[in-house]
PDB file of all heavy atoms in Angstrom:
ATOM      1  N   GLU A   1      15.492   3.422  -5.901  1.00  0.00           N
ATOM      2  CA  GLU A   1      15.142   4.809  -5.605  1.00  0.00           C
ATOM      3  C   GLU A   1      14.430   4.914  -4.255  1.00  0.00           C
ATOM      4  O   GLU A   1      14.671   5.838  -3.470  1.00  0.00           O
ATOM      5  CB  GLU A   1      14.244   5.364  -6.710  1.00  0.00           C
ATOM      6  CG  GLU A   1      13.833   6.829  -6.526  1.00  0.00           C
ATOM      7  CD  GLU A   1      15.005   7.791  -6.528  1.00  0.00           C
ATOM      8  OE1 GLU A   1      16.077   7.453  -7.078  1.00  0.00           O
ATOM      9  OE2 GLU A   1      14.850   8.894  -5.962  1.00  0.00           O
ATOM     10  N   THR A   2      13.559   3.951  -3.980  1.00  0.00           N
ATOM     11  CA  THR A   2      12.859   3.932  -2.688  1.00  0.00           C
ATOM     12  C   THR A   2      13.856   3.808  -1.543  1.00  0.00           C
ATOM     13  O   THR A   2      13.793   4.556  -0.557  1.00  0.00           O
ATOM     14  CB  THR A   2      11.867   2.756  -2.634  1.00  0.00           C
ATOM     15  OG1 THR A   2      10.888   2.913  -3.672  1.00  0.00           O
ATOM     16  CG2 THR A   2      11.161   2.695  -1.279  1.00  0.00           C
ATOM     17  N   ALA A   3      14.783   2.854  -1.665  1.00  0.00           N
ATOM     18  CA  ALA A   3      15.786   2.637  -0.616  1.00  0.00           C
ATOM     19  C   ALA A   3      16.656   3.871  -0.436  1.00  0.00           C
ATOM     20  O   ALA A   3      17.010   4.239   0.694  1.00  0.00           O
ATOM     21  CB  ALA A   3      16.647   1.426  -0.969  1.00  0.00           C
ATOM     22  N   LYS A   4      17.006   4.511  -1.547  1.00  0.00           N
ATOM     23  CA  LYS A   4      17.858   5.704  -1.502  1.00  0.00           C
ATOM     24  C   LYS A   4      17.159   6.831  -0.754  1.00  0.00           C
ATOM     25  O   LYS A   4      17.761   7.529   0.073  1.00  0.00           O
ATOM     26  CB  LYS A   4      18.193   6.130  -2.926  1.00  0.00           C
ATOM     27  CG  LYS A   4      19.115   7.341  -3.004  1.00  0.00           C
ATOM     28  CD  LYS A   4      19.407   7.682  -4.455  1.00  0.00           C
ATOM     29  CE  LYS A   4      20.264   8.950  -4.549  1.00  0.00           C
ATOM     30  NZ  LYS A   4      20.518   9.329  -5.961  1.00  0.00           N
ATOM     31  N   ARG A   5      15.888   7.024  -1.021  1.00  0.00           N
ATOM     32  CA  ARG A   5      15.151   8.120  -0.382  1.00  0.00           C
ATOM     33  C   ARG A   5      14.971   7.873   1.118  1.00  0.00           C
ATOM     34  O   ARG A   5      15.036   8.805   1.920  1.00  0.00           O
ATOM     35  CB  ARG A   5      13.806   8.316  -1.075  1.00  0.00           C
ATOM     36  CG  ARG A   5      13.991   8.851  -2.504  1.00  0.00           C
ATOM     37  CD  ARG A   5      12.696   9.143  -3.193  1.00  0.00           C
ATOM     38  NE  ARG A   5      11.983  10.260  -2.578  1.00  0.00           N
ATOM     39  CZ  ARG A   5      10.912  10.831  -3.125  1.00  0.00           C
ATOM     40  NH1 ARG A   5      10.464  10.398  -4.309  1.00  0.00           N
ATOM     41  NH2 ARG A   5      10.306  11.822  -2.523  1.00  0.00           N
ATOM     42  N   ILE A   6      14.766   6.619   1.476  1.00  0.00           N
ATOM     43  CA  ILE A   6      14.661   6.297   2.910  1.00  0.00           C
ATOM     44  C   ILE A   6      16.003   6.539   3.584  1.00  0.00           C
ATOM     45  O   ILE A   6      16.072   7.113   4.680  1.00  0.00           O
ATOM     46  CB  ILE A   6      14.201   4.836   3.101  1.00  0.00           C
ATOM     47  CG1 ILE A   6      12.745   4.682   2.616  1.00  0.00           C
ATOM     48  CG2 ILE A   6      14.302   4.421   4.576  1.00  0.00           C
ATOM     49  CD1 ILE A   6      12.261   3.242   2.591  1.00  0.00           C
ATOM     50  N   ALA A   7      17.091   6.112   2.920  1.00  0.00           N
ATOM     51  CA  ALA A   7      18.433   6.297   3.477  1.00  0.00           C
ATOM     52  C   ALA A   7      18.781   7.781   3.605  1.00  0.00           C
ATOM     53  O   ALA A   7      19.512   8.177   4.526  1.00  0.00           O
ATOM     54  CB  ALA A   7      19.460   5.587   2.597  1.00  0.00           C
ATOM     55  N   ASN A   8      18.274   8.591   2.709  1.00  0.00           N
ATOM     56  CA  ASN A   8      18.540  10.040   2.737  1.00  0.00           C
ATOM     57  C   ASN A   8      17.740  10.743   3.841  1.00  0.00           C
ATOM     58  O   ASN A   8      17.926  11.938   4.075  1.00  0.00           O
ATOM     59  CB  ASN A   8      18.184  10.681   1.392  1.00  0.00           C
ATOM     60  CG  ASN A   8      19.213  10.350   0.330  1.00  0.00           C
ATOM     61  OD1 ASN A   8      20.333   9.941   0.641  1.00  0.00           O
ATOM     62  ND2 ASN A   8      18.823  10.503  -0.940  1.00  0.00           N
ATOM     63  N   GLY A   9      16.838  10.017   4.464  1.00  0.00           N
ATOM     64  CA  GLY A   9      16.037  10.605   5.537  1.00  0.00           C
ATOM     65  C   GLY A   9      14.815  11.351   5.046  1.00  0.00           C
ATOM     66  O   GLY A   9      14.255  12.178   5.774  1.00  0.00           O
ATOM     67  N   ASP A  10      14.368  11.060   3.809  1.00  0.00           N
ATOM     68  CA  ASP A  10      13.148  11.701   3.304  1.00  0.00           C
ATOM     69  C   ASP A  10      11.941  11.274   4.160  1.00  0.00           C
ATOM     70  O   ASP A  10      11.851  10.127   4.593  1.00  0.00           O
ATOM     71  CB  ASP A  10      12.884  11.276   1.848  1.00  0.00           C
ATOM     72  CG  ASP A  10      13.856  11.912   0.873  1.00  0.00           C
ATOM     73  OD1 ASP A  10      14.849  12.519   1.350  1.00  0.00           O
ATOM     74  OD2 ASP A  10      13.640  11.787  -0.337  1.00  0.00           O
ATOM     75  N   ASP A  11      11.040  12.226   4.389  1.00  0.00           N
ATOM     76  CA  ASP A  11       9.822  11.895   5.146  1.00  0.00           C
ATOM     77  C   ASP A  11       8.967  10.915   4.350  1.00  0.00           C
ATOM     78  O   ASP A  11       8.825  11.048   3.120  1.00  0.00           O
ATOM     79  CB  ASP A  11       9.009  13.161   5.423  1.00  0.00           C
ATOM     80  CG  ASP A  11       9.647  14.018   6.503  1.00  0.00           C
ATOM     81  OD1 ASP A  11      10.441  13.470   7.289  1.00  0.00           O
ATOM     82  OD2 ASP A  11       9.346  15.217   6.556  1.00  0.00           O
ATOM     83  N   TYR A  12       8.427   9.951   5.043  1.00  0.00           N
ATOM     84  CA  TYR A  12       7.539   8.996   4.376  1.00  0.00           C
ATOM     85  C   TYR A  12       6.503   8.489   5.362  1.00  0.00           C
ATOM     86  O   TYR A  12       6.624   8.657   6.581  1.00  0.00           O
ATOM     87  CB  TYR A  12       8.342   7.811   3.820  1.00  0.00           C
ATOM     88  CG  TYR A  12       8.908   6.903   4.883  1.00  0.00           C
ATOM     89  CD1 TYR A  12       8.161   5.853   5.418  1.00  0.00           C
ATOM     90  CD2 TYR A  12      10.205   7.103   5.367  1.00  0.00           C
ATOM     91  CE1 TYR A  12       8.667   5.037   6.417  1.00  0.00           C
ATOM     92  CE2 TYR A  12      10.722   6.291   6.361  1.00  0.00           C
ATOM     93  CZ  TYR A  12       9.961   5.257   6.888  1.00  0.00           C
ATOM     94  OH  TYR A  12      10.462   4.448   7.876  1.00  0.00           O
ATOM     95  N   VAL A  13       5.469   7.870   4.825  1.00  0.00           N
ATOM     96  CA  VAL A  13       4.519   7.100   5.621  1.00  0.00           C
ATOM     97  C   VAL A  13       4.385   5.739   4.976  1.00  0.00           C
ATOM     98  O   VAL A  13       4.754   5.561   3.803  1.00  0.00           O
ATOM     99  CB  VAL A  13       3.128   7.777   5.699  1.00  0.00           C
ATOM    100  CG1 VAL A  13       3.224   9.124   6.396  1.00  0.00           C
ATOM    101  CG2 VAL A  13       2.501   7.919   4.313  1.00  0.00           C
ATOM    102  N   ILE A  14       3.893   4.786   5.733  1.00  0.00           N
ATOM    103  CA  ILE A  14       3.595   3.473   5.163  1.00  0.00           C
ATOM    104  C   ILE A  14       2.080   3.363   5.072  1.00  0.00           C
ATOM    105  O   ILE A  14       1.370   3.533   6.068  1.00  0.00           O
ATOM    106  CB  ILE A  14       4.175   2.335   6.022  1.00  0.00           C
ATOM    107  CG1 ILE A  14       5.709   2.390   5.998  1.00  0.00           C
ATOM    108  CG2 ILE A  14       3.686   0.974   5.529  1.00  0.00           C
ATOM    109  CD1 ILE A  14       6.386   1.344   6.879  1.00  0.00           C
ATOM    110  N   ARG A  15       1.603   3.132   3.853  1.00  0.00           N
ATOM    111  CA  ARG A  15       0.160   3.019   3.608  1.00  0.00           C
ATOM    112  C   ARG A  15      -0.238   1.572   3.341  1.00  0.00           C
ATOM    113  O   ARG A  15       0.529   0.800   2.757  1.00  0.00           O
ATOM    114  CB  ARG A  15      -0.256   3.883   2.406  1.00  0.00           C
ATOM    115  CG  ARG A  15      -0.209   5.388   2.677  1.00  0.00           C
ATOM    116  CD  ARG A  15      -0.680   6.176   1.459  1.00  0.00           C
ATOM    117  NE  ARG A  15      -0.685   7.613   1.690  1.00  0.00           N
ATOM    118  CZ  ARG A  15      -1.697   8.295   2.202  1.00  0.00           C
ATOM    119  NH1 ARG A  15      -2.818   7.647   2.530  1.00  0.00           N
ATOM    120  NH2 ARG A  15      -1.614   9.595   2.385  1.00  0.00           N
ATOM    121  N   PHE A  16      -1.444   1.224   3.748  1.00  0.00           N
ATOM    122  CA  PHE A  16      -1.984  -0.114   3.516  1.00  0.00           C
ATOM    123  C   PHE A  16      -2.629  -0.167   2.131  1.00  0.00           C
ATOM    124  O   PHE A  16      -3.372   0.743   1.751  1.00  0.00           O
ATOM    125  CB  PHE A  16      -3.029  -0.449   4.575  1.00  0.00           C
ATOM    126  CG  PHE A  16      -3.511  -1.877   4.520  1.00  0.00           C
ATOM    127  CD1 PHE A  16      -2.693  -2.914   4.943  1.00  0.00           C
ATOM    128  CD2 PHE A  16      -4.781  -2.179   4.045  1.00  0.00           C
ATOM    129  CE1 PHE A  16      -3.138  -4.229   4.900  1.00  0.00           C
ATOM    130  CE2 PHE A  16      -5.229  -3.488   3.991  1.00  0.00           C
ATOM    131  CZ  PHE A  16      -4.405  -4.521   4.421  1.00  0.00           C
ATOM    132  N   LYS A  17      -2.356  -1.200   1.401  1.00  0.00           N
ATOM    133  CA  LYS A  17      -2.937  -1.348   0.062  1.00  0.00           C
ATOM    134  C   LYS A  17      -4.330  -1.970   0.219  1.00  0.00           C
ATOM    135  O   LYS A  17      -4.501  -3.185   0.242  1.00  0.00           O
ATOM    136  CB  LYS A  17      -2.049  -2.231  -0.807  1.00  0.00           C
ATOM    137  CG  LYS A  17      -2.389  -2.159  -2.294  1.00  0.00           C
ATOM    138  CD  LYS A  17      -1.594  -3.175  -3.102  1.00  0.00           C
ATOM    139  CE  LYS A  17      -0.119  -2.831  -3.137  1.00  0.00           C
ATOM    140  NZ  LYS A  17       0.630  -3.807  -3.990  1.00  0.00           N
ATOM    141  N   MET A  18      -5.315  -1.102   0.329  1.00  0.00           N
ATOM    142  CA  MET A  18      -6.678  -1.538   0.644  1.00  0.00           C
ATOM    143  C   MET A  18      -7.290  -2.379  -0.471  1.00  0.00           C
ATOM    144  O   MET A  18      -7.967  -3.374  -0.222  1.00  0.00           O
ATOM    145  CB  MET A  18      -7.558  -0.315   0.913  1.00  0.00           C
ATOM    146  CG  MET A  18      -9.006  -0.634   1.224  1.00  0.00           C
ATOM    147  SD  MET A  18      -9.225  -1.672   2.676  1.00  0.00           S
ATOM    148  CE  MET A  18      -8.840  -0.521   3.977  1.00  0.00           C
ATOM    149  N   PHE A  19      -7.026  -1.986  -1.724  1.00  0.00           N
ATOM    150  CA  PHE A  19      -7.653  -2.683  -2.856  1.00  0.00           C
ATOM    151  C   PHE A  19      -6.705  -2.625  -4.041  1.00  0.00           C
ATOM    152  O   PHE A  19      -6.087  -1.600  -4.307  1.00  0.00           O
ATOM    153  CB  PHE A  19      -8.983  -2.007  -3.203  1.00  0.00           C
ATOM    154  CG  PHE A  19      -9.651  -2.557  -4.436  1.00  0.00           C
ATOM    155  CD1 PHE A  19     -10.292  -3.782  -4.411  1.00  0.00           C
ATOM    156  CD2 PHE A  19      -9.633  -1.841  -5.632  1.00  0.00           C
ATOM    157  CE1 PHE A  19     -10.912  -4.285  -5.548  1.00  0.00           C
ATOM    158  CE2 PHE A  19     -10.254  -2.342  -6.768  1.00  0.00           C
ATOM    159  CZ  PHE A  19     -10.896  -3.567  -6.722  1.00  0.00           C
ATOM    160  N   ASP A  20      -6.582  -3.742  -4.706  1.00  0.00           N
ATOM    161  CA  ASP A  20      -5.757  -3.803  -5.908  1.00  0.00           C
ATOM    162  C   ASP A  20      -6.703  -3.926  -7.097  1.00  0.00           C
ATOM    163  O   ASP A  20      -7.455  -4.885  -7.201  1.00  0.00           O
ATOM    164  CB  ASP A  20      -4.820  -5.009  -5.830  1.00  0.00           C
ATOM    165  CG  ASP A  20      -3.800  -5.009  -6.949  1.00  0.00           C
ATOM    166  OD1 ASP A  20      -4.075  -4.419  -8.014  1.00  0.00           O
ATOM    167  OD2 ASP A  20      -2.728  -5.608  -6.766  1.00  0.00           O
ATOM    168  N   GLY A  21      -6.693  -2.957  -7.975  1.00  0.00           N
ATOM    169  CA  GLY A  21      -7.631  -2.945  -9.095  1.00  0.00           C
ATOM    170  C   GLY A  21      -7.578  -4.186  -9.970  1.00  0.00           C
ATOM    171  O   GLY A  21      -8.543  -4.531 -10.645  1.00  0.00           O
ATOM    172  N   GLU A  22      -6.445  -4.893  -9.933  1.00  0.00           N
ATOM    173  CA  GLU A  22      -6.314  -6.096 -10.769  1.00  0.00           C
ATOM    174  C   GLU A  22      -6.878  -7.337 -10.083  1.00  0.00           C
ATOM    175  O   GLU A  22      -7.074  -8.362 -10.710  1.00  0.00           O
ATOM    176  CB  GLU A  22      -4.832  -6.316 -11.096  1.00  0.00           C
ATOM    177  CG  GLU A  22      -4.224  -5.178 -11.913  1.00  0.00           C
ATOM    178  CD  GLU A  22      -2.726  -5.377 -12.124  1.00  0.00           C
ATOM    179  OE1 GLU A  22      -2.212  -6.408 -11.653  1.00  0.00           O
ATOM    180  OE2 GLU A  22      -2.101  -4.510 -12.755  1.00  0.00           O
ATOM    181  N   ASP A  23      -7.111  -7.250  -8.781  1.00  0.00           N
ATOM    182  CA  ASP A  23      -7.610  -8.405  -8.021  1.00  0.00           C
ATOM    183  C   ASP A  23      -9.093  -8.211  -7.709  1.00  0.00           C
ATOM    184  O   ASP A  23      -9.468  -7.692  -6.674  1.00  0.00           O
ATOM    185  CB  ASP A  23      -6.805  -8.556  -6.726  1.00  0.00           C
ATOM    186  CG  ASP A  23      -7.199  -9.822  -5.951  1.00  0.00           C
ATOM    187  OD1 ASP A  23      -8.096 -10.549  -6.425  1.00  0.00           O
ATOM    188  OD2 ASP A  23      -6.622 -10.060  -4.879  1.00  0.00           O
ATOM    189  N   THR A  24      -9.938  -8.635  -8.636  1.00  0.00           N
ATOM    190  CA  THR A  24     -11.381  -8.410  -8.484  1.00  0.00           C
ATOM    191  C   THR A  24     -11.985  -9.227  -7.343  1.00  0.00           C
ATOM    192  O   THR A  24     -13.067  -8.915  -6.857  1.00  0.00           O
ATOM    193  CB  THR A  24     -12.114  -8.773  -9.782  1.00  0.00           C
ATOM    194  OG1 THR A  24     -11.778 -10.128 -10.148  1.00  0.00           O
ATOM    195  CG2 THR A  24     -11.714  -7.836 -10.909  1.00  0.00           C
ATOM    196  N   SER A  25     -11.268 -10.266  -6.883  1.00  0.00           N
ATOM    197  CA  SER A  25     -11.796 -11.081  -5.786  1.00  0.00           C
ATOM    198  C   SER A  25     -11.848 -10.301  -4.479  1.00  0.00           C
ATOM    199  O   SER A  25     -12.535 -10.686  -3.546  1.00  0.00           O
ATOM    200  CB  SER A  25     -10.942 -12.340  -5.594  1.00  0.00           C
ATOM    201  OG  SER A  25      -9.634 -11.996  -5.149  1.00  0.00           O
ATOM    202  N   ARG A  26     -11.114  -9.195  -4.420  1.00  0.00           N
ATOM    203  CA  ARG A  26     -11.102  -8.390  -3.208  1.00  0.00           C
ATOM    204  C   ARG A  26     -11.969  -7.147  -3.358  1.00  0.00           C
ATOM    205  O   ARG A  26     -11.737  -6.131  -2.721  1.00  0.00           O
ATOM    206  CB  ARG A  26      -9.670  -7.979  -2.852  1.00  0.00           C
ATOM    207  CG  ARG A  26      -8.856  -9.092  -2.199  1.00  0.00           C
ATOM    208  CD  ARG A  26      -7.441  -8.657  -1.884  1.00  0.00           C
ATOM    209  NE  ARG A  26      -7.428  -7.452  -1.060  1.00  0.00           N
ATOM    210  CZ  ARG A  26      -6.377  -6.645  -0.952  1.00  0.00           C
ATOM    211  NH1 ARG A  26      -5.276  -6.904  -1.633  1.00  0.00           N
ATOM    212  NH2 ARG A  26      -6.439  -5.589  -0.182  1.00  0.00           N
ATOM    213  N   GLY A  27     -12.982  -7.224  -4.182  1.00  0.00           N
ATOM    214  CA  GLY A  27     -13.826  -6.055  -4.417  1.00  0.00           C
ATOM    215  C   GLY A  27     -14.762  -5.732  -3.275  1.00  0.00           C
ATOM    216  O   GLY A  27     -15.023  -4.578  -2.977  1.00  0.00           O
ATOM    217  N   THR A  28     -15.276  -6.775  -2.601  1.00  0.00           N
ATOM    218  CA  THR A  28     -16.217  -6.585  -1.494  1.00  0.00           C
ATOM    219  C   THR A  28     -15.776  -7.414  -0.307  1.00  0.00           C
ATOM    220  O   THR A  28     -15.343  -8.555  -0.456  1.00  0.00           O
ATOM    221  CB  THR A  28     -17.636  -7.010  -1.908  1.00  0.00           C
ATOM    222  OG1 THR A  28     -18.043  -6.229  -3.024  1.00  0.00           O
ATOM    223  CG2 THR A  28     -18.623  -6.795  -0.776  1.00  0.00           C
ATOM    224  N   LEU A  29     -15.903  -6.828   0.867  1.00  0.00           N
ATOM    225  CA  LEU A  29     -15.601  -7.572   2.091  1.00  0.00           C
ATOM    226  C   LEU A  29     -16.895  -7.717   2.883  1.00  0.00           C
ATOM    227  O   LEU A  29     -17.574  -6.726   3.170  1.00  0.00           O
ATOM    228  CB  LEU A  29     -14.549  -6.836   2.925  1.00  0.00           C
ATOM    229  CG  LEU A  29     -14.078  -7.562   4.192  1.00  0.00           C
ATOM    230  CD1 LEU A  29     -12.607  -7.323   4.431  1.00  0.00           C
ATOM    231  CD2 LEU A  29     -14.880  -7.120   5.422  1.00  0.00           C
ATOM    232  N   SER A  30     -17.232  -8.942   3.229  1.00  0.00           N
ATOM    233  CA  SER A  30     -18.407  -9.226   4.059  1.00  0.00           C
ATOM    234  C   SER A  30     -17.940  -9.835   5.366  1.00  0.00           C
ATOM    235  O   SER A  30     -17.086 -10.724   5.369  1.00  0.00           O
ATOM    236  CB  SER A  30     -19.349 -10.211   3.354  1.00  0.00           C
ATOM    237  OG  SER A  30     -19.890  -9.636   2.188  1.00  0.00           O
ATOM    238  N   THR A  31     -18.488  -9.348   6.453  1.00  0.00           N
ATOM    239  CA  THR A  31     -18.105  -9.887   7.759  1.00  0.00           C
ATOM    240  C   THR A  31     -19.291  -9.796   8.709  1.00  0.00           C
ATOM    241  O   THR A  31     -20.288  -9.129   8.421  1.00  0.00           O
ATOM    242  CB  THR A  31     -16.887  -9.125   8.327  1.00  0.00           C
ATOM    243  OG1 THR A  31     -16.393  -9.801   9.480  1.00  0.00           O
ATOM    244  CG2 THR A  31     -17.234  -7.693   8.687  1.00  0.00           C
ATOM    245  N   GLN A  32     -19.173 -10.457   9.838  1.00  0.00           N
ATOM    246  CA  GLN A  32     -20.249 -10.487  10.822  1.00  0.00           C
ATOM    247  C   GLN A  32     -19.938  -9.567  12.001  1.00  0.00           C
ATOM    248  O   GLN A  32     -18.826  -9.569  12.524  1.00  0.00           O
ATOM    249  CB  GLN A  32     -20.462 -11.914  11.351  1.00  0.00           C
ATOM    250  CG  GLN A  32     -21.124 -12.857  10.354  1.00  0.00           C
ATOM    251  CD  GLN A  32     -22.561 -12.482  10.058  1.00  0.00           C
ATOM    252  OE1 GLN A  32     -23.332 -12.153  10.952  1.00  0.00           O
ATOM    253  NE2 GLN A  32     -22.938 -12.534   8.791  1.00  0.00           N
TER     254      GLN A  32
END
């Protein structure tokens, strides 16, 4: 369905998956 909609020329954006609720290891980001 995704491929079909892209082929049909439907408007879309690409979003970054900032956090996955199932991956608790990515809950906090610490950096300097």
